[in-house]
Amino acid sequence: MDRENRHLEYKEKYSKSYLKTVSAFSNYEGGKIIFGVNDEGEVVGVEDPRTLCLNIENAINDNIKPNPLYSLKIISMDGHQVVVLLVEKGDAPPYYYKTKAYKRNDTSSIEVGKMELDRLVLKGKNLKFEDLPASRQDLSFHTLALYLKDIMGIQQLTNDILITLGLYKNDQYTIAAEIISDQNSFPGIDIVKFGQSISILEDRVTLKNISILEIFKKSMDVFDAYYSYEEIESITRNKKSRVPGKAFREAIANALVHRSWDIPASINISMFDDRIEIVSPGGLPEGLSEETYENTNISILRNPSIANLFYRLHYIESFGTGIRRIKEEYKDYFIKPSFQITDHSVTVILPVIKAKNLAGDELKVYNALMIYGQSSRRQLTEYTGFNKSKIIRIVNKLIEDGLIETVGQSRNVTYKII
């Protein structure tokens, strides 16, 4: 038997505690409860499965509101009869048990907090948080009007355009409108530039109380100040970046478009000498797995109106391609971006470019250091079979590219990966 998990629960004996799990399964991803199996996954069976089915059905219909979608069946397992209760994800949440709504937390069912309950209520009404009326209605859109004129050639911002953009509904500005407006009161972006350690803070820029269109632009300005430089090639100056600019732009756009705006926290950008970390409040949207997020173009829009505006302004090229585009910006480099997903945040880590992709002899030496750790020139010769002069040439190139460093001096020198 499989172990209990978010979608599976065992009940050795009948008790109404399972109704919390029915609420949890109905509110979120669905699941299965098997009666006649103990917590260790041992099948013990039930004495009167037909009566048990009737008791389960009556208890659900009397105690879970609104009535959830479920089915019951009696099956044989290991010579015993058990009852399987299959609960489907409902389309009218929240589903309450005794006036409380529940969710799964690993193998247990717990009451949802106020914020999650509010989200369930909106979901049941087929609404998004950004669709709710703004807390203030005296909004202006000078920044939006300027961007629409410069990028889309729209000469005058009218109510009809705001309605088309999903920013004005039922004669009221929406929360999405407030976020886009000049009076945006939602948390913005907090940028910190660190020195050689997190205890050394070189600069801090807090972007708030302005349209997120300006927040986006000013974030790019800070990025350019710390990671862009000019390189003279022949007689021309070419702008280059120590972190791919398009990758940073895509990551910031994704953070603004997909964050949970009902969480009162800023997007945090930590800038280091070797990387940039972008932490966006809120985990992945319901229905989007970490595997799907990182490896497909499937997108579940948490904030469709904001996403649509960023698309129209060409800040994002198409829905669902952000992570793929970030990865593509690093395709010619040995070092790669990484992503950390939790229930409460999404972190994108963009490493500073150090060298082009390694191949052949350089890759063999680098892999030897990866496998064996800090090594001397003699040891690298043994690991790779290369002669002394070849090892010296390769390690000097890897040092120049910033991929490895020397430890010690003279005959005691060794090499290690940075």
Protein backbone atom coordinates (compact mmCIF):
# COMPACT_ATOMS: atom_id res chain seq x y z
CA MET A 1 0.00 0.00 0.00
CA ASP A 2 1.14 3.53 -0.74
CA ARG A 3 1.86 5.77 2.21
CA GLU A 4 -0.64 8.45 3.17
CA ASN A 5 -0.07 11.72 1.36
CA ARG A 6 -1.82 14.91 0.25
CA HIS A 7 -4.23 12.92 -1.90
CA LEU A 8 -4.61 9.72 0.10
CA GLU A 9 -5.84 9.02 3.63
CA TYR A 10 -6.50 5.76 5.49
CA LYS A 11 -9.16 5.16 8.14
CA GLU A 12 -9.02 1.98 10.17
CA LYS A 13 -12.43 2.66 11.73
CA TYR A 14 -15.29 4.97 10.95
CA SER A 15 -15.31 8.36 12.68
CA LYS A 16 -16.51 11.74 11.45
CA SER A 17 -13.00 13.18 11.48
CA TYR A 18 -12.76 12.15 7.82
CA LEU A 19 -15.21 14.96 6.97
CA LYS A 20 -12.38 17.50 7.40
CA THR A 21 -10.52 15.64 4.68
CA VAL A 22 -13.61 15.62 2.44
CA SER A 23 -13.70 19.41 2.80
CA ALA A 24 -9.96 19.64 2.03
CA PHE A 25 -10.14 17.41 -1.04
CA SER A 26 -13.19 19.27 -2.36
CA ASN A 27 -11.57 22.68 -1.88
CA TYR A 28 -8.33 21.83 -3.64
CA GLU A 29 -7.02 18.88 -5.62
CA GLY A 30 -9.36 16.01 -4.79
CA GLY A 31 -8.29 12.74 -3.22
CA LYS A 32 -9.16 9.32 -1.87
CA ILE A 33 -10.05 7.99 1.58
CA ILE A 34 -9.89 4.22 2.15
CA PHE A 35 -11.80 2.80 5.12
CA GLY A 36 -10.45 -0.49 6.48
CA VAL A 37 -6.74 0.36 6.28
CA ASN A 38 -4.69 1.46 9.29
CA ASP A 39 -2.12 4.28 9.43
CA GLU A 40 0.69 1.88 8.56
CA GLY A 41 -1.04 0.89 5.33
CA GLU A 42 -2.08 -2.55 6.63
CA VAL A 43 -5.43 -3.77 5.31
CA VAL A 44 -7.74 -4.76 8.20
CA GLY A 45 -11.08 -4.53 6.40
CA VAL A 46 -14.53 -3.36 7.55
CA GLU A 47 -17.30 -5.54 8.99
CA ASP A 48 -20.38 -4.20 7.17
CA PRO A 49 -19.28 -2.24 4.08
CA ARG A 50 -22.80 -1.52 2.80
CA THR A 51 -23.91 0.05 6.07
CA LEU A 52 -20.65 1.97 6.22
CA CYS A 53 -21.27 3.39 2.74
CA LEU A 54 -24.71 4.55 3.83
CA ASN A 55 -23.29 6.22 6.96
CA ILE A 56 -20.57 7.96 4.94
CA GLU A 57 -23.07 9.20 2.36
CA ASN A 58 -25.48 10.55 5.00
CA ALA A 59 -22.71 12.25 6.96
CA ILE A 60 -21.32 14.00 3.87
CA ASN A 61 -24.72 15.17 2.67
CA ASP A 62 -25.65 16.46 6.15
CA ASN A 63 -22.35 18.11 7.11
CA ILE A 64 -20.47 19.35 4.01
CA LYS A 65 -21.87 22.49 2.43
CA PRO A 66 -22.26 22.90 -0.47
CA ASN A 67 -22.60 19.23 -1.33
CA PRO A 68 -19.33 17.92 -2.78
CA LEU A 69 -18.78 15.58 -5.72
CA TYR A 70 -17.86 12.08 -4.55
CA SER A 71 -18.32 8.39 -5.20
CA LEU A 72 -18.20 5.24 -3.04
CA LYS A 73 -17.27 1.69 -3.90
CA ILE A 74 -16.59 -1.56 -2.09
CA ILE A 75 -13.52 -3.52 -3.18
CA SER A 76 -11.53 -6.52 -1.96
CA MET A 77 -7.94 -6.04 -0.81
CA ASP A 78 -5.73 -8.75 0.71
CA GLY A 79 -8.75 -10.91 1.47
CA HIS A 80 -10.66 -8.10 3.18
CA GLN A 81 -13.42 -5.77 2.06
CA VAL A 82 -12.70 -2.05 2.21
CA VAL A 83 -14.66 1.06 1.26
CA VAL A 84 -13.08 3.61 -1.07
CA LEU A 85 -14.36 7.19 -0.95
CA LEU A 86 -13.24 9.17 -4.00
CA VAL A 87 -13.67 12.94 -3.59
CA GLU A 88 -13.40 15.21 -6.63
CA LYS A 89 -12.13 18.76 -6.71
CA GLY A 90 -15.25 20.92 -6.51
CA ASP A 91 -16.17 23.85 -8.73
CA ALA A 92 -18.04 25.80 -6.02
CA PRO A 93 -15.60 26.33 -3.12
CA PRO A 94 -15.28 26.88 -0.27
CA TYR A 95 -16.67 23.56 0.99
CA TYR A 96 -17.34 23.87 4.71
CA TYR A 97 -17.47 21.33 7.49
CA LYS A 98 -19.07 22.81 10.60
CA THR A 99 -18.60 26.37 9.24
CA LYS A 100 -14.88 25.79 8.63
CA ALA A 101 -13.02 25.12 5.39
CA TYR A 102 -10.05 22.76 5.32
CA LYS A 103 -6.94 22.04 3.22
CA ARG A 104 -4.36 19.26 3.15
CA ASN A 105 -1.03 19.77 4.88
CA ASP A 106 0.99 16.71 3.93
CA THR A 107 -0.99 13.83 5.54
CA SER A 108 -3.31 15.91 7.73
CA SER A 109 -6.29 18.17 7.12
CA ILE A 110 -6.11 21.63 8.70
CA GLU A 111 -8.34 24.69 8.73
CA VAL A 112 -7.48 27.28 6.10
CA GLY A 113 -6.48 30.78 7.20
CA LYS A 114 -8.38 33.94 6.40
CA MET A 115 -6.35 34.78 3.28
CA GLU A 116 -6.80 31.32 1.79
CA LEU A 117 -10.48 31.35 2.67
CA ASP A 118 -10.86 34.66 0.84
CA ARG A 119 -9.14 33.08 -2.17
CA LEU A 120 -11.52 30.12 -2.07
CA VAL A 121 -14.51 32.46 -1.96
CA LEU A 122 -13.21 34.32 -5.03
CA LYS A 123 -12.55 31.03 -6.78
CA GLY A 124 -16.12 29.91 -6.09
CA LYS A 125 -17.36 33.13 -7.71
CA ASN A 126 -14.97 32.68 -10.65
CA LEU A 127 -13.18 35.91 -9.70
CA LYS A 128 -9.54 36.90 -9.31
CA PHE A 129 -8.18 39.13 -6.56
CA GLU A 130 -7.24 41.72 -9.18
CA ASP A 131 -10.93 41.87 -10.26
CA LEU A 132 -12.14 43.19 -6.89
CA PRO A 133 -12.98 46.91 -6.58
CA ALA A 134 -10.00 49.06 -5.66
CA SER A 135 -9.92 50.44 -2.13
CA ARG A 136 -9.84 53.94 -3.62
CA GLN A 137 -11.52 55.23 -6.74
CA ASP A 138 -9.72 58.57 -7.18
CA LEU A 139 -7.10 57.04 -9.45
CA SER A 140 -5.10 58.65 -12.24
CA PHE A 141 -3.23 56.96 -15.07
CA HIS A 142 -0.69 59.44 -16.42
CA THR A 143 2.05 56.81 -16.49
CA LEU A 144 -0.16 54.28 -18.26
CA ALA A 145 -1.27 56.90 -20.80
CA LEU A 146 2.36 57.77 -21.55
CA TYR A 147 3.36 54.14 -22.06
CA LEU A 148 0.34 53.39 -24.26
CA LYS A 149 1.16 56.41 -26.40
CA ASP A 150 4.87 55.66 -26.74
CA ILE A 151 4.56 51.92 -27.32
CA MET A 152 1.13 51.39 -28.85
CA GLY A 153 0.44 54.81 -30.40
CA ILE A 154 -2.77 55.34 -28.40
CA GLN A 155 -3.26 59.09 -28.25
CA GLN A 156 -5.86 59.30 -25.49
CA LEU A 157 -6.66 56.98 -22.60
CA THR A 158 -10.44 56.57 -22.33
CA ASN A 159 -12.79 54.59 -20.10
CA ASP A 160 -13.45 52.24 -23.01
CA ILE A 161 -9.73 51.40 -23.15
CA LEU A 162 -9.65 50.84 -19.37
CA ILE A 163 -12.65 48.51 -19.72
CA THR A 164 -10.91 46.64 -22.55
CA LEU A 165 -7.82 46.26 -20.37
CA GLY A 166 -9.94 44.85 -17.52
CA LEU A 167 -9.16 47.80 -15.24
CA TYR A 168 -12.70 49.18 -15.01
CA LYS A 169 -15.65 46.91 -14.25
CA ASN A 170 -19.18 47.59 -13.03
CA ASP A 171 -18.49 51.35 -12.94
CA GLN A 172 -15.52 50.86 -10.60
CA TYR A 173 -11.75 50.70 -10.89
CA THR A 174 -10.38 47.26 -10.02
CA ILE A 175 -7.43 46.32 -7.85
CA ALA A 176 -5.51 45.69 -11.09
CA ALA A 177 -6.25 49.31 -12.02
CA GLU A 178 -4.89 50.56 -8.69
CA ILE A 179 -1.70 48.52 -9.17
CA ILE A 180 -1.26 50.08 -12.62
CA SER A 181 -2.26 53.58 -11.49
CA ASP A 182 -0.13 56.49 -10.30
CA GLN A 183 -1.59 55.95 -6.79
CA ASN A 184 -0.49 52.32 -6.48
CA SER A 185 -0.48 51.52 -2.75
CA PHE A 186 0.52 47.86 -3.05
CA PRO A 187 4.03 46.64 -2.13
CA GLY A 188 6.55 47.11 -4.91
CA ILE A 189 10.14 45.94 -5.29
CA ASP A 190 12.90 46.15 -2.70
CA ILE A 191 16.40 45.95 -4.22
CA VAL A 192 19.52 45.42 -2.11
CA LYS A 193 23.07 45.42 -3.50
CA PHE A 194 25.37 43.40 -1.27
CA GLY A 195 29.15 43.48 -1.04
CA GLN A 196 31.34 40.45 -0.47
CA SER A 197 28.89 39.10 2.13
CA ILE A 198 25.28 39.65 3.21
CA SER A 199 26.59 41.70 6.14
CA ILE A 200 27.90 44.32 3.72
CA LEU A 201 25.05 46.38 2.25
CA GLU A 202 26.31 48.70 -0.47
CA ASP A 203 23.01 50.15 -1.70
CA ARG A 204 19.26 49.83 -1.28
CA VAL A 205 16.49 50.98 -3.61
CA THR A 206 12.84 50.67 -2.61
CA LEU A 207 10.34 51.13 -5.42
CA LYS A 208 6.76 51.71 -4.24
CA ASN A 209 3.79 54.09 -4.42
CA ILE A 210 4.21 54.37 -8.20
CA SER A 211 2.73 52.46 -11.13
CA ILE A 212 4.21 49.00 -11.57
CA LEU A 213 5.09 50.12 -15.08
CA GLU A 214 7.53 52.59 -13.52
CA ILE A 215 8.63 49.98 -10.98
CA PHE A 216 9.52 47.69 -13.87
CA LYS A 217 11.48 50.41 -15.68
CA LYS A 218 13.36 51.59 -12.60
CA SER A 219 14.31 48.01 -11.72
CA MET A 220 15.95 47.73 -15.12
CA ASP A 221 17.79 51.00 -14.46
CA VAL A 222 19.24 49.62 -11.20
CA PHE A 223 20.24 46.42 -13.01
CA ASP A 224 22.06 48.43 -15.70
CA ALA A 225 23.90 50.43 -13.04
CA TYR A 226 25.43 47.33 -11.43
CA TYR A 227 25.63 44.65 -14.12
CA SER A 228 25.98 46.42 -17.48
CA TYR A 229 29.23 47.69 -18.96
CA GLU A 230 30.64 48.86 -22.28
CA GLU A 231 33.29 46.94 -24.17
CA ILE A 232 35.25 48.50 -27.00
CA GLU A 233 35.48 46.26 -30.03
CA SER A 234 37.45 47.75 -32.91
CA ILE A 235 36.15 51.35 -32.99
CA THR A 236 32.69 50.73 -31.52
CA ARG A 237 31.39 50.54 -27.96
CA ASN A 238 29.12 47.58 -27.29
CA LYS A 239 26.88 47.35 -24.24
CA LYS A 240 27.23 44.04 -22.41
CA SER A 241 25.94 42.60 -19.16
CA ARG A 242 27.47 40.33 -16.56
CA VAL A 243 23.98 38.81 -16.23
CA PRO A 244 21.91 38.39 -19.42
CA GLY A 245 19.72 41.50 -19.52
CA LYS A 246 16.84 39.71 -21.21
CA ALA A 247 16.84 37.05 -18.51
CA PHE A 248 16.63 39.68 -15.76
CA ARG A 249 13.91 41.57 -17.66
CA GLU A 250 11.88 38.37 -18.07
CA ALA A 251 12.30 37.43 -14.41
CA ILE A 252 11.13 40.86 -13.20
CA ALA A 253 8.16 40.88 -15.57
CA ASN A 254 7.19 37.38 -14.40
CA ALA A 255 7.47 38.42 -10.75
CA LEU A 256 5.16 41.42 -11.24
CA VAL A 257 2.68 39.57 -13.42
CA HIS A 258 2.42 36.31 -11.45
CA ARG A 259 2.95 37.33 -7.82
CA SER A 260 0.16 37.05 -5.23
CA TRP A 261 -0.96 40.64 -4.77
CA ASP A 262 -3.05 39.79 -1.71
CA ILE A 263 0.17 39.10 0.22
CA PRO A 264 1.40 42.36 1.81
CA ALA A 265 5.06 41.81 0.91
CA SER A 266 7.46 43.27 -1.64
CA ILE A 267 9.27 41.44 -4.39
CA ASN A 268 12.84 41.15 -3.07
CA ILE A 269 15.83 41.45 -5.38
CA SER A 270 19.21 40.62 -3.86
CA MET A 271 22.19 41.60 -6.02
CA PHE A 272 25.53 39.88 -5.37
CA ASP A 273 28.83 39.84 -7.21
CA ASP A 274 28.14 36.34 -8.53
CA ARG A 275 24.33 36.24 -8.86
CA ILE A 276 20.95 37.95 -8.61
CA GLU A 277 18.13 36.44 -6.54
CA ILE A 278 14.53 37.49 -7.25
CA VAL A 279 11.95 36.36 -4.69
CA SER A 280 8.29 36.76 -5.59
CA PRO A 281 5.54 36.46 -2.91
CA GLY A 282 3.17 33.54 -3.36
CA GLY A 283 3.88 30.04 -4.58
CA LEU A 284 2.80 28.62 -7.91
CA PRO A 285 -0.84 29.04 -8.95
CA GLU A 286 -3.08 26.10 -8.10
CA GLY A 287 -2.87 23.45 -10.78
CA LEU A 288 0.68 24.34 -11.86
CA SER A 289 3.36 21.90 -10.70
CA GLU A 290 7.05 22.71 -10.31
CA GLU A 291 7.85 20.36 -13.19
CA THR A 292 5.32 22.11 -15.45
CA TYR A 293 6.54 25.55 -14.37
CA GLU A 294 10.17 24.83 -15.27
CA ASN A 295 9.86 22.63 -18.34
CA THR A 296 6.75 23.56 -20.35
CA ASN A 297 5.04 26.59 -21.86
CA ILE A 298 1.84 26.00 -19.92
CA SER A 299 0.75 29.10 -18.01
CA ILE A 300 -1.95 29.58 -15.39
CA LEU A 301 -2.49 33.32 -15.03
CA ARG A 302 -2.99 34.52 -11.50
CA ASN A 303 -3.45 38.13 -12.68
CA PRO A 304 -4.84 38.04 -16.25
CA SER A 305 -5.45 41.80 -16.60
CA ILE A 306 -1.93 42.74 -15.49
CA ALA A 307 -0.47 39.96 -17.68
CA ASN A 308 -2.50 41.17 -20.66
CA LEU A 309 -1.22 44.74 -20.25
CA PHE A 310 2.41 43.61 -19.99
CA TYR A 311 1.87 41.54 -23.12
CA ARG A 312 0.41 44.50 -25.02
CA LEU A 313 3.37 46.64 -23.95
CA HIS A 314 5.78 43.91 -25.13
CA TYR A 315 7.23 43.40 -21.64
CA ILE A 316 6.39 39.72 -22.01
CA GLU A 317 6.34 38.10 -25.43
CA SER A 318 3.79 35.38 -24.88
CA PHE A 319 2.15 33.68 -21.93
CA GLY A 320 3.95 30.70 -20.46
CA THR A 321 7.35 31.21 -22.12
CA GLY A 322 9.10 33.23 -19.40
CA ILE A 323 11.11 30.43 -17.79
CA ARG A 324 12.03 28.96 -21.16
CA ARG A 325 13.29 32.36 -22.34
CA ILE A 326 15.36 32.80 -19.16
CA LYS A 327 16.98 29.41 -19.77
CA GLU A 328 17.61 30.25 -23.43
CA GLU A 329 19.61 33.33 -22.43
CA TYR A 330 22.06 31.00 -20.65
CA LYS A 331 22.19 28.28 -23.32
CA ASP A 332 25.72 29.25 -24.47
CA TYR A 333 27.15 29.31 -20.96
CA PHE A 334 28.35 26.63 -18.60
CA ILE A 335 26.62 28.17 -15.61
CA LYS A 336 22.79 28.03 -15.54
CA PRO A 337 19.89 29.78 -13.77
CA SER A 338 18.03 27.95 -11.03
CA PHE A 339 14.56 28.09 -9.50
CA GLN A 340 13.37 27.47 -5.95
CA ILE A 341 9.67 26.84 -5.35
CA THR A 342 7.88 26.82 -1.99
CA ASP A 343 4.23 27.13 -1.01
CA HIS A 344 4.80 30.81 -0.25
CA SER A 345 7.36 32.07 -2.77
CA VAL A 346 9.06 31.60 -6.12
CA THR A 347 12.79 32.40 -6.34
CA VAL A 348 14.71 32.87 -9.58
CA ILE A 349 18.52 32.83 -9.31
CA LEU A 350 20.44 34.37 -12.20
CA PRO A 351 24.19 33.67 -11.98
CA VAL A 352 26.79 36.07 -13.32
CA ILE A 353 28.21 34.85 -16.63
CA LYS A 354 31.76 33.60 -16.27
CA ALA A 355 32.56 31.67 -19.42
CA LYS A 356 31.10 30.07 -22.49
CA ASN A 357 30.09 26.43 -22.43
CA LEU A 358 32.96 24.11 -21.70
CA ALA A 359 33.73 21.24 -24.03
CA GLY A 360 36.46 18.73 -24.77
CA ASP A 361 39.66 18.97 -22.72
CA GLU A 362 38.52 21.94 -20.60
CA LEU A 363 35.35 20.08 -19.60
CA LYS A 364 37.39 17.00 -18.70
CA VAL A 365 39.62 18.99 -16.31
CA TYR A 366 36.65 20.84 -14.84
CA ASN A 367 34.77 17.56 -14.29
CA ALA A 368 37.85 16.08 -12.59
CA LEU A 369 37.76 18.94 -10.07
CA MET A 370 34.01 18.43 -9.66
CA ILE A 371 34.50 14.73 -8.88
CA TYR A 372 37.76 14.73 -6.90
CA GLY A 373 37.63 18.20 -5.35
CA GLN A 374 40.63 20.46 -4.76
CA SER A 375 43.56 18.93 -6.68
CA SER A 376 47.20 19.57 -7.59
CA ARG A 377 48.56 19.77 -11.12
CA ARG A 378 50.08 16.31 -10.70
CA GLN A 379 46.74 14.86 -9.58
CA LEU A 380 44.95 16.44 -12.55
CA THR A 381 47.52 14.83 -14.81
CA GLU A 382 46.71 11.45 -13.30
CA TYR A 383 42.93 11.98 -13.48
CA THR A 384 42.90 13.13 -17.10
CA GLY A 385 45.95 11.55 -18.71
CA PHE A 386 47.05 14.97 -20.05
CA ASN A 387 50.69 16.00 -19.87
CA LYS A 388 52.01 18.78 -17.64
CA SER A 389 52.06 21.57 -20.26
CA LYS A 390 48.50 20.79 -21.36
CA ILE A 391 47.20 20.83 -17.78
CA ILE A 392 48.91 24.18 -17.14
CA ARG A 393 47.40 25.68 -20.28
CA ILE A 394 43.88 24.44 -19.45
CA VAL A 395 43.89 25.47 -15.79
CA ASN A 396 45.18 28.93 -16.72
CA LYS A 397 42.27 29.28 -19.15
CA LEU A 398 39.76 28.14 -16.51
CA ILE A 399 41.25 30.62 -14.02
CA GLU A 400 40.99 33.40 -16.61
CA ASP A 401 37.33 32.51 -17.20
CA GLY A 402 36.65 32.72 -13.47
CA LEU A 403 35.63 29.07 -13.11
CA ILE A 404 38.45 27.84 -10.87
CA GLU A 405 41.00 29.41 -8.53
CA THR A 406 44.40 28.59 -7.09
CA VAL A 407 45.03 27.73 -3.46
CA GLY A 408 48.53 27.99 -1.96
CA GLN A 409 51.76 28.96 -3.67
CA SER A 410 54.67 27.54 -5.64
CA ARG A 411 54.96 23.77 -5.46
CA ASN A 412 52.05 23.51 -3.03
CA VAL A 413 49.55 25.16 -5.35
CA THR A 414 46.27 23.36 -5.93
CA TYR A 415 43.13 24.20 -7.90
CA LYS A 416 39.48 24.25 -6.91
CA ILE A 417 36.16 25.21 -8.44
CA ILE A 418 34.87 28.64 -7.42
